[in-house]
Structures are given as C-alpha cells and as structure tokens.
C-alpha atoms as a PDB file:
ATOM      1  CA  MET A   1      73.256   5.112  62.440  1.00  0.00           C
ATOM      2  CA  THR A   2      73.493   1.672  64.004  1.00  0.00           C
ATOM      3  CA  THR A   3      76.058   0.761  66.642  1.00  0.00           C
ATOM      4  CA  ILE A   4      77.310  -2.793  67.108  1.00  0.00           C
ATOM      5  CA  SER A   5      79.512  -4.478  69.672  1.00  0.00           C
ATOM      6  CA  VAL A   6      82.119  -7.037  68.609  1.00  0.00           C
ATOM      7  CA  SER A   7      84.098  -9.406  70.828  1.00  0.00           C
ATOM      8  CA  LEU A   8      87.692 -10.030  69.750  1.00  0.00           C
ATOM      9  CA  ASP A   9      90.397 -12.134  71.292  1.00  0.00           C
ATOM     10  CA  ASP A  10      93.347 -10.173  72.664  1.00  0.00           C
ATOM     11  CA  ALA A  11      95.731 -11.165  69.858  1.00  0.00           C
ATOM     12  CA  THR A  12      93.329 -10.029  67.139  1.00  0.00           C
ATOM     13  CA  TYR A  13      92.667  -6.773  68.981  1.00  0.00           C
ATOM     14  CA  ALA A  14      96.414  -6.125  69.277  1.00  0.00           C
ATOM     15  CA  ARG A  15      96.951  -6.695  65.539  1.00  0.00           C
ATOM     16  CA  LEU A  16      94.040  -4.428  64.629  1.00  0.00           C
ATOM     17  CA  LYS A  17      95.251  -1.781  67.072  1.00  0.00           C
ATOM     18  CA  ALA A  18      98.704  -1.832  65.462  1.00  0.00           C
ATOM     19  CA  VAL A  19      97.208  -1.455  61.975  1.00  0.00           C
ATOM     20  CA  ALA A  20      94.875   1.345  63.092  1.00  0.00           C
ATOM     21  CA  ASP A  21      97.715   3.169  64.866  1.00  0.00           C
ATOM     22  CA  ALA A  22      99.926   2.872  61.766  1.00  0.00           C
ATOM     23  CA  GLU A  23      97.142   4.391  59.657  1.00  0.00           C
ATOM     24  CA  GLY A  24      96.379   7.071  62.225  1.00  0.00           C
ATOM     25  CA  ILE A  25      92.774   6.025  62.722  1.00  0.00           C
ATOM     26  CA  SER A  26      90.721   4.362  65.441  1.00  0.00           C
ATOM     27  CA  ILE A  27      90.024   0.644  65.496  1.00  0.00           C
ATOM     28  CA  GLU A  28      86.352   1.496  65.091  1.00  0.00           C
ATOM     29  CA  SER A  29      87.082   3.424  61.876  1.00  0.00           C
ATOM     30  CA  LEU A  30      89.291   0.626  60.597  1.00  0.00           C
ATOM     31  CA  LEU A  31      86.586  -1.986  61.176  1.00  0.00           C
ATOM     32  CA  ALA A  32      83.807   0.212  59.781  1.00  0.00           C
ATOM     33  CA  THR A  33      85.807   0.836  56.612  1.00  0.00           C
ATOM     34  CA  ALA A  34      86.603  -2.867  56.237  1.00  0.00           C
ATOM     35  CA  ALA A  35      82.926  -3.770  56.690  1.00  0.00           C
ATOM     36  CA  VAL A  36      81.763  -1.251  54.073  1.00  0.00           C
ATOM     37  CA  GLU A  37      84.394  -2.419  51.568  1.00  0.00           C
ATOM     38  CA  HIS A  38      83.439  -6.060  52.130  1.00  0.00           C
ATOM     39  CA  ALA A  39      79.738  -5.294  51.679  1.00  0.00           C
ATOM     40  CA  GLU A  40      80.447  -3.437  48.419  1.00  0.00           C
ATOM     41  CA  ARG A  41      82.582  -6.297  47.057  1.00  0.00           C
ATOM     42  CA  THR A  42      79.926  -8.810  48.058  1.00  0.00           C
ATOM     43  CA  SER A  43      77.163  -6.885  46.283  1.00  0.00           C
ATOM     44  CA  GLU A  44      79.330  -6.641  43.146  1.00  0.00           C
ATOM     45  CA  VAL A  45      79.945 -10.402  43.229  1.00  0.00           C
ATOM     46  CA  VAL A  46      76.229 -11.081  43.666  1.00  0.00           C
ATOM     47  CA  GLU A  47      75.378  -8.788  40.732  1.00  0.00           C
ATOM     48  CA  ALA A  48      78.017 -10.453  38.533  1.00  0.00           C
ATOM     49  CA  ARG A  49      76.632 -13.876  39.420  1.00  0.00           C
ATOM     50  CA  HIS A  50      73.091 -12.775  38.533  1.00  0.00           C
ATOM     51  CA  MET A  51      74.330 -11.342  35.252  1.00  0.00           C
ATOM     52  CA  ALA A  52      76.126 -14.593  34.404  1.00  0.00           C
ATOM     53  CA  GLU A  53      73.014 -16.616  35.247  1.00  0.00           C
ATOM     54  CA  ARG A  54      70.896 -14.404  32.973  1.00  0.00           C
ATOM     55  CA  HIS A  55      73.367 -14.861  30.101  1.00  0.00           C
ATOM     56  CA  LEU A  56      73.567 -18.607  30.671  1.00  0.00           C
ATOM     57  CA  ALA A  57      69.770 -18.835  30.570  1.00  0.00           C
ATOM     58  CA  ARG A  58      69.531 -16.680  27.464  1.00  0.00           C
ATOM     59  CA  TYR A  59      72.381 -18.279  25.469  1.00  0.00           C
ATOM     60  CA  PRO A  60      72.663 -21.902  26.655  1.00  0.00           C
ATOM     61  CA  GLU A  61      73.893 -23.278  23.304  1.00  0.00           C
ATOM     62  CA  LEU A  62      76.673 -20.725  23.067  1.00  0.00           C
ATOM     63  CA  PHE A  63      77.984 -21.532  26.527  1.00  0.00           C
ATOM     64  CA  LYS A  64      77.649 -25.253  25.878  1.00  0.00           C
ATOM     65  CA  ARG A  65      79.862 -24.904  22.788  1.00  0.00           C
ATOM     66  CA  LEU A  66      82.340 -22.709  24.640  1.00  0.00           C
ATOM     67  CA  ALA A  67      82.640 -25.318  27.383  1.00  0.00           C
ATOM     68  CA  GLU A  68      83.638 -28.028  24.881  1.00  0.00           C
END
C-alpha cells in the first residue's frame, strides 16, 4: 500500500474534519474513499469516451445524419 502526504490550508482541513467527524471516520479514510470514487468515475468516463469514438468511427454517416 502506498502512503501519500497532502498539504491543506487550515480552512479546508477544518471543513474536512467536520465532515469526517459527522460520518464517524478519520480524515484519512474520507480522503481515501473520495480518491477511489473519483478514480472509478474517471475510468468510467474514459471508457465511455473510447466507446463513443469507436462508434463514431464505425458509423460516421449515421452520426452525421443524427447531427442534422
């Protein structure tokens, strides 16, 4: 497992601390969860974009007519 260090301004830290306390978890857990969720969403967006590009390349006339 990799460990990272992140610098936050005091106001951001205080907001994250309040959220973490409300959820009953540590700030580290809150940030780790947020990072994993963001990475998963990003990979889904990338896959969707690749899929769209493949369809556009395969059916250019269809998409040209749909755009009209």
